[in-house]
Amino acid sequence: MSWLPSLETTSPEEGFDLAIKLARMAVKITQPDDAARSKMRPDYAHNADSLTMASHVVATHFQTVAQANNYWR
């Protein structure tokens, strides 16, 4: 089974969780080496610009999920 069977969720909270998963999977697929990701983590974990960009990526994914769910109307 696919790790992403659908963009449909039952609530905005589930949609936000899915948006986070989409962002995390993009990083994992882009950099499949666990050791490399772990090595880079301290660099961005204490960088306000990196954390803000991560929030922006999640927000963009959340917008997509919300639209796919007709904004949970």
PDB file of N, CA and C in Angstrom:
ATOM      1  N   MET A   1       0.836  -1.184   0.000  1.00  0.00           N
ATOM      2  CA  MET A   1       0.000   0.000   0.000  1.00  0.00           C
ATOM      3  C   MET A   1       0.884   1.252   0.000  1.00  0.00           C
ATOM      4  N   SER A   2       0.425   2.237  -0.669  1.00  0.00           N
ATOM      5  CA  SER A   2       1.152   3.502  -0.774  1.00  0.00           C
ATOM      6  C   SER A   2       1.204   4.226   0.573  1.00  0.00           C
ATOM      7  N   TRP A   3       2.271   4.971   0.802  1.00  0.00           N
ATOM      8  CA  TRP A   3       2.339   5.775   2.029  1.00  0.00           C
ATOM      9  C   TRP A   3       1.389   6.969   1.945  1.00  0.00           C
ATOM     10  N   LEU A   4       0.864   7.248   0.737  1.00  0.00           N
ATOM     11  CA  LEU A   4      -0.067   8.356   0.550  1.00  0.00           C
ATOM     12  C   LEU A   4      -1.281   7.856  -0.240  1.00  0.00           C
ATOM     13  N   PRO A   5      -2.184   7.150   0.439  1.00  0.00           N
ATOM     14  CA  PRO A   5      -3.335   6.618  -0.286  1.00  0.00           C
ATOM     15  C   PRO A   5      -4.335   7.689  -0.709  1.00  0.00           C
ATOM     16  N   SER A   6      -4.348   8.828  -0.010  1.00  0.00           N
ATOM     17  CA  SER A   6      -5.319   9.874  -0.323  1.00  0.00           C
ATOM     18  C   SER A   6      -4.923  11.179   0.359  1.00  0.00           C
ATOM     19  N   LEU A   7      -5.388  12.284  -0.201  1.00  0.00           N
ATOM     20  CA  LEU A   7      -5.243  13.581   0.463  1.00  0.00           C
ATOM     21  C   LEU A   7      -6.458  13.898   1.323  1.00  0.00           C
ATOM     22  N   GLU A   8      -7.459  13.051   1.272  1.00  0.00           N
ATOM     23  CA  GLU A   8      -8.677  13.285   2.045  1.00  0.00           C
ATOM     24  C   GLU A   8      -8.458  12.936   3.512  1.00  0.00           C
ATOM     25  N   THR A   9      -8.916  13.836   4.377  1.00  0.00           N
ATOM     26  CA  THR A   9      -8.838  13.632   5.818  1.00  0.00           C
ATOM     27  C   THR A   9     -10.184  13.986   6.425  1.00  0.00           C
ATOM     28  N   THR A  10     -10.405  13.569   7.660  1.00  0.00           N
ATOM     29  CA  THR A  10     -11.703  13.819   8.286  1.00  0.00           C
ATOM     30  C   THR A  10     -11.780  15.146   9.027  1.00  0.00           C
ATOM     31  N   SER A  11     -10.636  15.802   9.235  1.00  0.00           N
ATOM     32  CA  SER A  11     -10.652  17.054   9.988  1.00  0.00           C
ATOM     33  C   SER A  11      -9.450  17.915   9.598  1.00  0.00           C
ATOM     34  N   PRO A  12      -9.520  19.196   9.895  1.00  0.00           N
ATOM     35  CA  PRO A  12      -8.356  20.049   9.649  1.00  0.00           C
ATOM     36  C   PRO A  12      -7.111  19.589  10.421  1.00  0.00           C
ATOM     37  N   GLU A  13      -7.302  19.081  11.636  1.00  0.00           N
ATOM     38  CA  GLU A  13      -6.147  18.610  12.410  1.00  0.00           C
ATOM     39  C   GLU A  13      -5.465  17.435  11.716  1.00  0.00           C
ATOM     40  N   GLU A  14      -6.243  16.493  11.213  1.00  0.00           N
ATOM     41  CA  GLU A  14      -5.665  15.385  10.452  1.00  0.00           C
ATOM     42  C   GLU A  14      -5.009  15.907   9.172  1.00  0.00           C
ATOM     43  N   GLY A  15      -5.614  16.937   8.584  1.00  0.00           N
ATOM     44  CA  GLY A  15      -5.031  17.539   7.392  1.00  0.00           C
ATOM     45  C   GLY A  15      -3.682  18.164   7.676  1.00  0.00           C
ATOM     46  N   PHE A  16      -3.564  18.809   8.833  1.00  0.00           N
ATOM     47  CA  PHE A  16      -2.286  19.415   9.210  1.00  0.00           C
ATOM     48  C   PHE A  16      -1.240  18.331   9.455  1.00  0.00           C
ATOM     49  N   ASP A  17      -1.646  17.250  10.113  1.00  0.00           N
ATOM     50  CA  ASP A  17      -0.721  16.127  10.318  1.00  0.00           C
ATOM     51  C   ASP A  17      -0.244  15.569   8.983  1.00  0.00           C
ATOM     52  N   LEU A  18      -1.154  15.483   8.021  1.00  0.00           N
ATOM     53  CA  LEU A  18      -0.782  14.996   6.690  1.00  0.00           C
ATOM     54  C   LEU A  18       0.175  15.977   6.015  1.00  0.00           C
ATOM     55  N   ALA A  19      -0.051  17.265   6.181  1.00  0.00           N
ATOM     56  CA  ALA A  19       0.849  18.269   5.602  1.00  0.00           C
ATOM     57  C   ALA A  19       2.263  18.110   6.153  1.00  0.00           C
ATOM     58  N   ILE A  20       2.369  17.852   7.442  1.00  0.00           N
ATOM     59  CA  ILE A  20       3.688  17.624   8.053  1.00  0.00           C
ATOM     60  C   ILE A  20       4.320  16.362   7.470  1.00  0.00           C
ATOM     61  N   LYS A  21       3.518  15.313   7.313  1.00  0.00           N
ATOM     62  CA  LYS A  21       4.051  14.070   6.742  1.00  0.00           C
ATOM     63  C   LYS A  21       4.544  14.299   5.318  1.00  0.00           C
ATOM     64  N   LEU A  22       3.796  15.074   4.530  1.00  0.00           N
ATOM     65  CA  LEU A  22       4.226  15.369   3.164  1.00  0.00           C
ATOM     66  C   LEU A  22       5.583  16.077   3.168  1.00  0.00           C
ATOM     67  N   ALA A  23       5.738  17.046   4.047  1.00  0.00           N
ATOM     68  CA  ALA A  23       7.006  17.784   4.127  1.00  0.00           C
ATOM     69  C   ALA A  23       8.145  16.857   4.545  1.00  0.00           C
ATOM     70  N   ARG A  24       7.891  16.020   5.534  1.00  0.00           N
ATOM     71  CA  ARG A  24       8.937  15.110   6.011  1.00  0.00           C
ATOM     72  C   ARG A  24       9.311  14.073   4.958  1.00  0.00           C
ATOM     73  N   MET A  25       8.325  13.563   4.257  1.00  0.00           N
ATOM     74  CA  MET A  25       8.608  12.573   3.217  1.00  0.00           C
ATOM     75  C   MET A  25       9.400  13.204   2.068  1.00  0.00           C
ATOM     76  N   ALA A  26       9.126  14.457   1.756  1.00  0.00           N
ATOM     77  CA  ALA A  26       9.891  15.128   0.701  1.00  0.00           C
ATOM     78  C   ALA A  26      11.363  15.197   1.073  1.00  0.00           C
ATOM     79  N   VAL A  27      11.645  15.504   2.334  1.00  0.00           N
ATOM     80  CA  VAL A  27      13.040  15.551   2.789  1.00  0.00           C
ATOM     81  C   VAL A  27      13.653  14.156   2.736  1.00  0.00           C
ATOM     82  N   LYS A  28      12.909  13.170   3.209  1.00  0.00           N
ATOM     83  CA  LYS A  28      13.424  11.797   3.237  1.00  0.00           C
ATOM     84  C   LYS A  28      13.705  11.276   1.831  1.00  0.00           C
ATOM     85  N   ILE A  29      12.833  11.592   0.888  1.00  0.00           N
ATOM     86  CA  ILE A  29      13.030  11.127  -0.487  1.00  0.00           C
ATOM     87  C   ILE A  29      14.171  11.889  -1.159  1.00  0.00           C
ATOM     88  N   THR A  30      14.270  13.187  -0.854  1.00  0.00           N
ATOM     89  CA  THR A  30      15.339  14.004  -1.426  1.00  0.00           C
ATOM     90  C   THR A  30      16.701  13.602  -0.877  1.00  0.00           C
ATOM     91  N   GLN A  31      16.754  13.300   0.422  1.00  0.00           N
ATOM     92  CA  GLN A  31      18.008  12.876   1.061  1.00  0.00           C
ATOM     93  C   GLN A  31      17.733  11.550   1.772  1.00  0.00           C
ATOM     94  N   PRO A  32      17.853  10.418   1.065  1.00  0.00           N
ATOM     95  CA  PRO A  32      17.506   9.128   1.654  1.00  0.00           C
ATOM     96  C   PRO A  32      18.502   8.611   2.700  1.00  0.00           C
ATOM     97  N   ASP A  33      19.649   9.232   2.822  1.00  0.00           N
ATOM     98  CA  ASP A  33      20.664   8.781   3.775  1.00  0.00           C
ATOM     99  C   ASP A  33      20.334   9.290   5.178  1.00  0.00           C
ATOM    100  N   ASP A  34      19.912   8.359   6.065  1.00  0.00           N
ATOM    101  CA  ASP A  34      19.556   8.735   7.442  1.00  0.00           C
ATOM    102  C   ASP A  34      20.711   9.424   8.154  1.00  0.00           C
ATOM    103  N   ALA A  35      21.913   8.936   7.969  1.00  0.00           N
ATOM    104  CA  ALA A  35      23.078   9.510   8.649  1.00  0.00           C
ATOM    105  C   ALA A  35      23.315  10.952   8.191  1.00  0.00           C
ATOM    106  N   ALA A  36      23.157  11.205   6.910  1.00  0.00           N
ATOM    107  CA  ALA A  36      23.350  12.563   6.392  1.00  0.00           C
ATOM    108  C   ALA A  36      22.301  13.514   6.971  1.00  0.00           C
ATOM    109  N   ARG A  37      21.033  13.055   7.016  1.00  0.00           N
ATOM    110  CA  ARG A  37      19.975  13.896   7.596  1.00  0.00           C
ATOM    111  C   ARG A  37      20.254  14.175   9.063  1.00  0.00           C
ATOM    112  N   SER A  38      20.690  13.165   9.782  1.00  0.00           N
ATOM    113  CA  SER A  38      20.997  13.352  11.208  1.00  0.00           C
ATOM    114  C   SER A  38      22.160  14.320  11.413  1.00  0.00           C
ATOM    115  N   LYS A  39      23.144  14.236  10.542  1.00  0.00           N
ATOM    116  CA  LYS A  39      24.308  15.115  10.638  1.00  0.00           C
ATOM    117  C   LYS A  39      23.918  16.580  10.384  1.00  0.00           C
ATOM    118  N   MET A  40      22.972  16.807   9.461  1.00  0.00           N
ATOM    119  CA  MET A  40      22.556  18.174   9.120  1.00  0.00           C
ATOM    120  C   MET A  40      21.572  18.770  10.121  1.00  0.00           C
ATOM    121  N   ARG A  41      20.877  17.922  10.854  1.00  0.00           N
ATOM    122  CA  ARG A  41      19.815  18.389  11.746  1.00  0.00           C
ATOM    123  C   ARG A  41      20.253  19.483  12.711  1.00  0.00           C
ATOM    124  N   PRO A  42      21.401  19.383  13.387  1.00  0.00           N
ATOM    125  CA  PRO A  42      21.795  20.472  14.306  1.00  0.00           C
ATOM    126  C   PRO A  42      21.964  21.819  13.611  1.00  0.00           C
ATOM    127  N   ASP A  43      22.358  21.801  12.345  1.00  0.00           N
ATOM    128  CA  ASP A  43      22.544  23.057  11.614  1.00  0.00           C
ATOM    129  C   ASP A  43      21.239  23.812  11.448  1.00  0.00           C
ATOM    130  N   TYR A  44      20.166  23.101  11.096  1.00  0.00           N
ATOM    131  CA  TYR A  44      18.904  23.813  10.880  1.00  0.00           C
ATOM    132  C   TYR A  44      18.036  23.880  12.128  1.00  0.00           C
ATOM    133  N   ALA A  45      18.279  23.025  13.098  1.00  0.00           N
ATOM    134  CA  ALA A  45      17.456  23.021  14.310  1.00  0.00           C
ATOM    135  C   ALA A  45      17.616  24.300  15.132  1.00  0.00           C
ATOM    136  N   HIS A  46      18.734  24.977  14.966  1.00  0.00           N
ATOM    137  CA  HIS A  46      18.988  26.208  15.728  1.00  0.00           C
ATOM    138  C   HIS A  46      19.059  27.426  14.816  1.00  0.00           C
ATOM    139  N   ASN A  47      18.439  27.319  13.648  1.00  0.00           N
ATOM    140  CA  ASN A  47      18.468  28.400  12.678  1.00  0.00           C
ATOM    141  C   ASN A  47      17.036  28.879  12.434  1.00  0.00           C
ATOM    142  N   ALA A  48      16.739  30.092  12.878  1.00  0.00           N
ATOM    143  CA  ALA A  48      15.379  30.621  12.778  1.00  0.00           C
ATOM    144  C   ALA A  48      14.894  30.660  11.325  1.00  0.00           C
ATOM    145  N   ASP A  49      15.761  31.009  10.402  1.00  0.00           N
ATOM    146  CA  ASP A  49      15.355  31.060   8.993  1.00  0.00           C
ATOM    147  C   ASP A  49      14.980  29.674   8.470  1.00  0.00           C
ATOM    148  N   SER A  50      15.737  28.673   8.855  1.00  0.00           N
ATOM    149  CA  SER A  50      15.434  27.303   8.425  1.00  0.00           C
ATOM    150  C   SER A  50      14.105  26.828   9.006  1.00  0.00           C
ATOM    151  N   LEU A  51      13.868  27.144  10.270  1.00  0.00           N
ATOM    152  CA  LEU A  51      12.619  26.725  10.902  1.00  0.00           C
ATOM    153  C   LEU A  51      11.422  27.461  10.295  1.00  0.00           C
ATOM    154  N   THR A  52      11.616  28.735   9.965  1.00  0.00           N
ATOM    155  CA  THR A  52      10.544  29.490   9.317  1.00  0.00           C
ATOM    156  C   THR A  52      10.243  28.907   7.941  1.00  0.00           C
ATOM    157  N   MET A  53      11.267  28.543   7.210  1.00  0.00           N
ATOM    158  CA  MET A  53      11.067  27.936   5.887  1.00  0.00           C
ATOM    159  C   MET A  53      10.357  26.593   6.011  1.00  0.00           C
ATOM    160  N   ALA A  54      10.691  25.819   7.024  1.00  0.00           N
ATOM    161  CA  ALA A  54      10.010  24.542   7.231  1.00  0.00           C
ATOM    162  C   ALA A  54       8.523  24.779   7.492  1.00  0.00           C
ATOM    163  N   SER A  55       8.203  25.791   8.276  1.00  0.00           N
ATOM    164  CA  SER A  55       6.801  26.124   8.534  1.00  0.00           C
ATOM    165  C   SER A  55       6.097  26.535   7.246  1.00  0.00           C
ATOM    166  N   HIS A  56       6.796  27.260   6.404  1.00  0.00           N
ATOM    167  CA  HIS A  56       6.228  27.688   5.122  1.00  0.00           C
ATOM    168  C   HIS A  56       5.911  26.481   4.235  1.00  0.00           C
ATOM    169  N   VAL A  57       6.807  25.524   4.203  1.00  0.00           N
ATOM    170  CA  VAL A  57       6.587  24.317   3.397  1.00  0.00           C
ATOM    171  C   VAL A  57       5.360  23.560   3.913  1.00  0.00           C
ATOM    172  N   VAL A  58       5.244  23.413   5.232  1.00  0.00           N
ATOM    173  CA  VAL A  58       4.082  22.726   5.811  1.00  0.00           C
ATOM    174  C   VAL A  58       2.809  23.500   5.477  1.00  0.00           C
ATOM    175  N   ALA A  59       2.852  24.833   5.579  1.00  0.00           N
ATOM    176  CA  ALA A  59       1.676  25.646   5.262  1.00  0.00           C
ATOM    177  C   ALA A  59       1.250  25.463   3.803  1.00  0.00           C
ATOM    178  N   THR A  60       2.202  25.366   2.915  1.00  0.00           N
ATOM    179  CA  THR A  60       1.885  25.151   1.499  1.00  0.00           C
ATOM    180  C   THR A  60       1.221  23.790   1.302  1.00  0.00           C
ATOM    181  N   HIS A  61       1.751  22.770   1.959  1.00  0.00           N
ATOM    182  CA  HIS A  61       1.132  21.443   1.869  1.00  0.00           C
ATOM    183  C   HIS A  61      -0.264  21.451   2.496  1.00  0.00           C
ATOM    184  N   PHE A  62      -0.423  22.163   3.617  1.00  0.00           N
ATOM    185  CA  PHE A  62      -1.727  22.233   4.272  1.00  0.00           C
ATOM    186  C   PHE A  62      -2.756  22.888   3.350  1.00  0.00           C
ATOM    187  N   GLN A  63      -2.342  23.904   2.628  1.00  0.00           N
ATOM    188  CA  GLN A  63      -3.238  24.557   1.677  1.00  0.00           C
ATOM    189  C   GLN A  63      -3.724  23.546   0.625  1.00  0.00           C
ATOM    190  N   THR A  64      -2.817  22.721   0.139  1.00  0.00           N
ATOM    191  CA  THR A  64      -3.179  21.700  -0.848  1.00  0.00           C
ATOM    192  C   THR A  64      -4.157  20.686  -0.250  1.00  0.00           C
ATOM    193  N   VAL A  65      -3.872  20.218   0.959  1.00  0.00           N
ATOM    194  CA  VAL A  65      -4.734  19.234   1.615  1.00  0.00           C
ATOM    195  C   VAL A  65      -6.111  19.847   1.890  1.00  0.00           C
ATOM    196  N   ALA A  66      -6.134  21.080   2.359  1.00  0.00           N
ATOM    197  CA  ALA A  66      -7.414  21.742   2.634  1.00  0.00           C
ATOM    198  C   ALA A  66      -8.261  21.842   1.370  1.00  0.00           C
ATOM    199  N   GLN A  67      -7.633  22.213   0.279  1.00  0.00           N
ATOM    200  CA  GLN A  67      -8.366  22.315  -0.981  1.00  0.00           C
ATOM    201  C   GLN A  67      -8.893  20.947  -1.416  1.00  0.00           C
ATOM    202  N   ALA A  68      -8.088  19.906  -1.236  1.00  0.00           N
ATOM    203  CA  ALA A  68      -8.517  18.547  -1.600  1.00  0.00           C
ATOM    204  C   ALA A  68      -9.693  18.089  -0.762  1.00  0.00           C
ATOM    205  N   ASN A  69      -9.868  18.682   0.412  1.00  0.00           N
ATOM    206  CA  ASN A  69     -10.946  18.319   1.323  1.00  0.00           C
ATOM    207  C   ASN A  69     -12.078  19.344   1.315  1.00  0.00           C
ATOM    208  N   ASN A  70     -12.109  20.165   0.272  1.00  0.00           N
ATOM    209  CA  ASN A  70     -13.131  21.213   0.162  1.00  0.00           C
ATOM    210  C   ASN A  70     -13.202  22.045   1.440  1.00  0.00           C
ATOM    211  N   TYR A  71     -12.029  22.268   2.030  1.00  0.00           N
ATOM    212  CA  TYR A  71     -11.903  23.077   3.259  1.00  0.00           C
ATOM    213  C   TYR A  71     -12.796  22.546   4.384  1.00  0.00           C
ATOM    214  N   TRP A  72     -13.030  21.239   4.390  1.00  0.00           N
ATOM    215  CA  TRP A  72     -13.801  20.514   5.419  1.00  0.00           C
ATOM    216  C   TRP A  72     -15.212  21.064   5.590  1.00  0.00           C
ATOM    217  N   ARG A  73     -15.791  21.511   4.486  1.00  0.00           N
ATOM    218  CA  ARG A  73     -17.191  21.989   4.551  1.00  0.00           C
ATOM    219  C   ARG A  73     -18.140  20.820   4.464  1.00  0.00           C
TER     220      ARG A  73
END
